[in-house]
Amino acid sequence: MAVKIRLARHGSKANPFYRIVVADSRSPRDGRYIERIGTYDPQREPSAIEVDNEKASEWLGKGAQPTGQVRKLLEISGAI
């Protein structure tokens, strides 16, 4: 089972809000996930990023692969 750390989109039309989740790579974007490790709100100025660095580091240690955008967010938050 390939595990990815990725964004799940929530919020209304033209008002996105994202959750940073750990999910099976075969599950849909906004579908079932294993664990939620943070949030990302691009609508705020500056963008609000909240990440549980301990959980993120734990999942990265287990071999979870972050997507490109999530990798940038984890670098900003200090998890990578």
N, C-alpha and C. Protein backbone atom coordinates (compact mmCIF):
# COMPACT_ATOMS: atom_id res chain seq x y z
N MET A 1 0.84 -1.18 0.00
CA MET A 1 0.00 0.00 0.00
C MET A 1 0.89 1.24 0.00
N ALA A 2 0.75 2.09 -1.00
CA ALA A 2 1.49 3.34 -1.08
C ALA A 2 0.74 4.42 -0.32
N VAL A 3 1.43 5.05 0.62
CA VAL A 3 0.82 6.08 1.45
C VAL A 3 1.37 7.43 1.03
N LYS A 4 0.47 8.40 0.86
CA LYS A 4 0.86 9.75 0.45
C LYS A 4 0.39 10.76 1.48
N ILE A 5 1.14 11.83 1.60
CA ILE A 5 0.71 12.98 2.38
C ILE A 5 0.28 14.01 1.35
N ARG A 6 -1.00 14.40 1.39
CA ARG A 6 -1.52 15.27 0.35
C ARG A 6 -2.59 16.21 0.89
N LEU A 7 -3.08 17.08 0.02
CA LEU A 7 -4.11 18.05 0.39
C LEU A 7 -5.49 17.50 0.05
N ALA A 8 -6.44 17.72 0.96
CA ALA A 8 -7.85 17.40 0.70
C ALA A 8 -8.60 18.73 0.72
N ARG A 9 -9.29 19.06 -0.36
CA ARG A 9 -9.95 20.36 -0.49
C ARG A 9 -11.29 20.38 0.21
N HIS A 10 -11.51 21.44 0.96
CA HIS A 10 -12.80 21.70 1.61
C HIS A 10 -13.11 23.17 1.40
N GLY A 11 -14.23 23.61 1.88
CA GLY A 11 -14.63 25.00 1.68
C GLY A 11 -15.58 25.10 0.51
N SER A 12 -16.10 26.30 0.32
CA SER A 12 -17.09 26.50 -0.73
C SER A 12 -16.42 26.91 -2.04
N LYS A 13 -17.24 27.10 -3.04
CA LYS A 13 -16.77 27.49 -4.36
C LYS A 13 -16.03 28.82 -4.27
N ALA A 14 -14.86 28.90 -4.86
CA ALA A 14 -14.01 30.09 -4.86
C ALA A 14 -13.52 30.48 -3.48
N ASN A 15 -13.63 29.57 -2.50
CA ASN A 15 -13.16 29.84 -1.14
C ASN A 15 -12.51 28.57 -0.59
N PRO A 16 -11.35 28.18 -1.12
CA PRO A 16 -10.76 26.90 -0.74
C PRO A 16 -10.15 26.90 0.65
N PHE A 17 -10.20 25.74 1.27
CA PHE A 17 -9.56 25.47 2.55
C PHE A 17 -9.08 24.03 2.46
N TYR A 18 -7.85 23.78 2.83
CA TYR A 18 -7.27 22.45 2.65
C TYR A 18 -6.90 21.82 3.97
N ARG A 19 -7.06 20.51 4.04
CA ARG A 19 -6.55 19.72 5.15
C ARG A 19 -5.36 18.93 4.63
N ILE A 20 -4.32 18.85 5.43
CA ILE A 20 -3.15 18.04 5.08
C ILE A 20 -3.39 16.67 5.70
N VAL A 21 -3.53 15.66 4.84
CA VAL A 21 -3.90 14.33 5.31
C VAL A 21 -2.92 13.27 4.83
N VAL A 22 -2.90 12.17 5.56
CA VAL A 22 -2.15 10.98 5.16
C VAL A 22 -3.18 10.01 4.62
N ALA A 23 -3.02 9.57 3.37
CA ALA A 23 -4.03 8.72 2.74
C ALA A 23 -3.39 7.69 1.83
N ASP A 24 -4.13 6.62 1.58
CA ASP A 24 -3.73 5.63 0.59
C ASP A 24 -3.76 6.32 -0.77
N SER A 25 -2.77 6.06 -1.59
CA SER A 25 -2.68 6.75 -2.88
C SER A 25 -3.84 6.41 -3.81
N ARG A 26 -4.54 5.31 -3.56
CA ARG A 26 -5.65 4.91 -4.43
C ARG A 26 -6.97 5.56 -4.03
N SER A 27 -7.06 6.17 -2.87
CA SER A 27 -8.32 6.78 -2.43
C SER A 27 -8.52 8.12 -3.13
N PRO A 28 -9.77 8.57 -3.28
CA PRO A 28 -10.04 9.85 -3.96
C PRO A 28 -9.50 11.04 -3.18
N ARG A 29 -9.36 12.17 -3.86
CA ARG A 29 -8.76 13.37 -3.27
C ARG A 29 -9.41 13.77 -1.95
N ASP A 30 -10.72 13.84 -1.93
CA ASP A 30 -11.43 14.26 -0.73
C ASP A 30 -12.05 13.08 0.01
N GLY A 31 -11.61 11.88 -0.32
CA GLY A 31 -12.20 10.68 0.26
C GLY A 31 -11.57 10.28 1.59
N ARG A 32 -11.60 8.98 1.83
CA ARG A 32 -11.13 8.42 3.09
C ARG A 32 -9.64 8.69 3.29
N TYR A 33 -9.27 9.01 4.51
CA TYR A 33 -7.87 9.22 4.83
C TYR A 33 -7.53 8.50 6.13
N ILE A 34 -6.24 8.31 6.36
CA ILE A 34 -5.77 7.59 7.55
C ILE A 34 -5.70 8.53 8.75
N GLU A 35 -5.09 9.70 8.54
CA GLU A 35 -4.92 10.66 9.64
C GLU A 35 -4.80 12.07 9.09
N ARG A 36 -5.36 13.02 9.83
CA ARG A 36 -5.23 14.43 9.46
C ARG A 36 -4.08 15.02 10.28
N ILE A 37 -3.11 15.64 9.61
CA ILE A 37 -1.95 16.15 10.33
C ILE A 37 -1.83 17.67 10.27
N GLY A 38 -2.74 18.35 9.60
CA GLY A 38 -2.66 19.80 9.57
C GLY A 38 -3.67 20.44 8.65
N THR A 39 -3.58 21.78 8.55
CA THR A 39 -4.48 22.55 7.70
C THR A 39 -3.68 23.60 6.95
N TYR A 40 -4.26 24.08 5.85
CA TYR A 40 -3.68 25.13 5.03
C TYR A 40 -4.80 26.01 4.52
N ASP A 41 -4.72 27.31 4.83
CA ASP A 41 -5.74 28.27 4.40
C ASP A 41 -5.08 29.33 3.52
N PRO A 42 -5.18 29.19 2.18
CA PRO A 42 -4.54 30.15 1.28
C PRO A 42 -5.28 31.48 1.19
N GLN A 43 -6.49 31.59 1.73
CA GLN A 43 -7.27 32.82 1.64
C GLN A 43 -6.78 33.90 2.60
N ARG A 44 -6.14 33.49 3.69
CA ARG A 44 -5.63 34.47 4.65
C ARG A 44 -4.41 35.18 4.09
N GLU A 45 -4.10 36.33 4.67
CA GLU A 45 -2.90 37.07 4.26
C GLU A 45 -2.05 37.33 5.48
N PRO A 46 -0.93 36.71 5.70
CA PRO A 46 -0.30 35.66 4.89
C PRO A 46 -1.02 34.32 5.07
N SER A 47 -0.76 33.38 4.19
CA SER A 47 -1.41 32.07 4.23
C SER A 47 -1.17 31.40 5.57
N ALA A 48 -2.23 30.78 6.11
CA ALA A 48 -2.15 30.11 7.40
C ALA A 48 -1.81 28.64 7.20
N ILE A 49 -0.70 28.21 7.80
CA ILE A 49 -0.27 26.82 7.72
C ILE A 49 -0.12 26.30 9.13
N GLU A 50 -0.87 25.24 9.46
CA GLU A 50 -0.76 24.61 10.77
C GLU A 50 -0.48 23.13 10.54
N VAL A 51 0.67 22.66 11.04
CA VAL A 51 1.07 21.27 10.84
C VAL A 51 1.54 20.70 12.17
N ASP A 52 1.11 19.47 12.48
CA ASP A 52 1.63 18.75 13.63
C ASP A 52 2.95 18.12 13.18
N ASN A 53 4.06 18.78 13.50
CA ASN A 53 5.37 18.36 13.00
C ASN A 53 5.76 16.96 13.48
N GLU A 54 5.35 16.59 14.69
CA GLU A 54 5.69 15.26 15.20
C GLU A 54 5.03 14.17 14.36
N LYS A 55 3.74 14.35 14.07
CA LYS A 55 3.02 13.36 13.25
C LYS A 55 3.58 13.32 11.83
N ALA A 56 3.89 14.50 11.28
CA ALA A 56 4.43 14.55 9.92
C ALA A 56 5.77 13.83 9.85
N SER A 57 6.64 14.07 10.81
CA SER A 57 7.94 13.40 10.84
C SER A 57 7.79 11.90 11.02
N GLU A 58 6.83 11.51 11.84
CA GLU A 58 6.57 10.08 12.06
C GLU A 58 6.15 9.40 10.76
N TRP A 59 5.23 10.02 10.01
CA TRP A 59 4.77 9.43 8.75
C TRP A 59 5.86 9.44 7.69
N LEU A 60 6.67 10.49 7.65
CA LEU A 60 7.77 10.51 6.70
C LEU A 60 8.78 9.42 7.03
N GLY A 61 8.99 9.17 8.30
CA GLY A 61 9.88 8.09 8.73
C GLY A 61 9.36 6.72 8.36
N LYS A 62 8.04 6.59 8.29
CA LYS A 62 7.42 5.32 7.91
C LYS A 62 7.41 5.12 6.40
N GLY A 63 7.79 6.15 5.63
CA GLY A 63 7.88 6.00 4.19
C GLY A 63 6.78 6.68 3.40
N ALA A 64 5.96 7.50 4.04
CA ALA A 64 4.91 8.22 3.31
C ALA A 64 5.55 9.26 2.40
N GLN A 65 5.03 9.39 1.18
CA GLN A 65 5.57 10.31 0.19
C GLN A 65 4.70 11.56 0.10
N PRO A 66 5.25 12.76 0.39
CA PRO A 66 4.45 13.97 0.24
C PRO A 66 4.35 14.40 -1.22
N THR A 67 3.24 15.02 -1.57
CA THR A 67 3.10 15.59 -2.90
C THR A 67 3.95 16.86 -2.97
N GLY A 68 4.07 17.44 -4.14
CA GLY A 68 4.91 18.62 -4.33
C GLY A 68 4.50 19.80 -3.45
N GLN A 69 3.22 20.14 -3.47
CA GLN A 69 2.74 21.27 -2.67
C GLN A 69 2.89 21.00 -1.18
N VAL A 70 2.59 19.78 -0.76
CA VAL A 70 2.70 19.45 0.66
C VAL A 70 4.16 19.49 1.10
N ARG A 71 5.07 19.07 0.24
CA ARG A 71 6.51 19.14 0.57
C ARG A 71 6.90 20.59 0.86
N LYS A 72 6.43 21.53 0.04
CA LYS A 72 6.72 22.94 0.26
C LYS A 72 6.15 23.42 1.60
N LEU A 73 4.92 23.01 1.90
CA LEU A 73 4.29 23.42 3.16
C LEU A 73 5.03 22.84 4.36
N LEU A 74 5.48 21.58 4.25
CA LEU A 74 6.21 20.96 5.35
C LEU A 74 7.57 21.61 5.54
N GLU A 75 8.20 22.06 4.47
CA GLU A 75 9.47 22.77 4.58
C GLU A 75 9.26 24.11 5.28
N ILE A 76 8.20 24.80 4.95
CA ILE A 76 7.89 26.09 5.59
C ILE A 76 7.62 25.91 7.08
N SER A 77 6.89 24.87 7.44
CA SER A 77 6.53 24.64 8.84
C SER A 77 7.67 24.05 9.65
N GLY A 78 8.69 23.50 8.98
CA GLY A 78 9.84 22.96 9.68
C GLY A 78 9.79 21.46 9.93
N ALA A 79 8.84 20.75 9.34
CA ALA A 79 8.75 19.31 9.52
C ALA A 79 9.80 18.58 8.70
N ILE A 80 10.25 19.18 7.61
CA ILE A 80 11.31 18.56 6.76
C ILE A 80 12.57 19.37 6.97
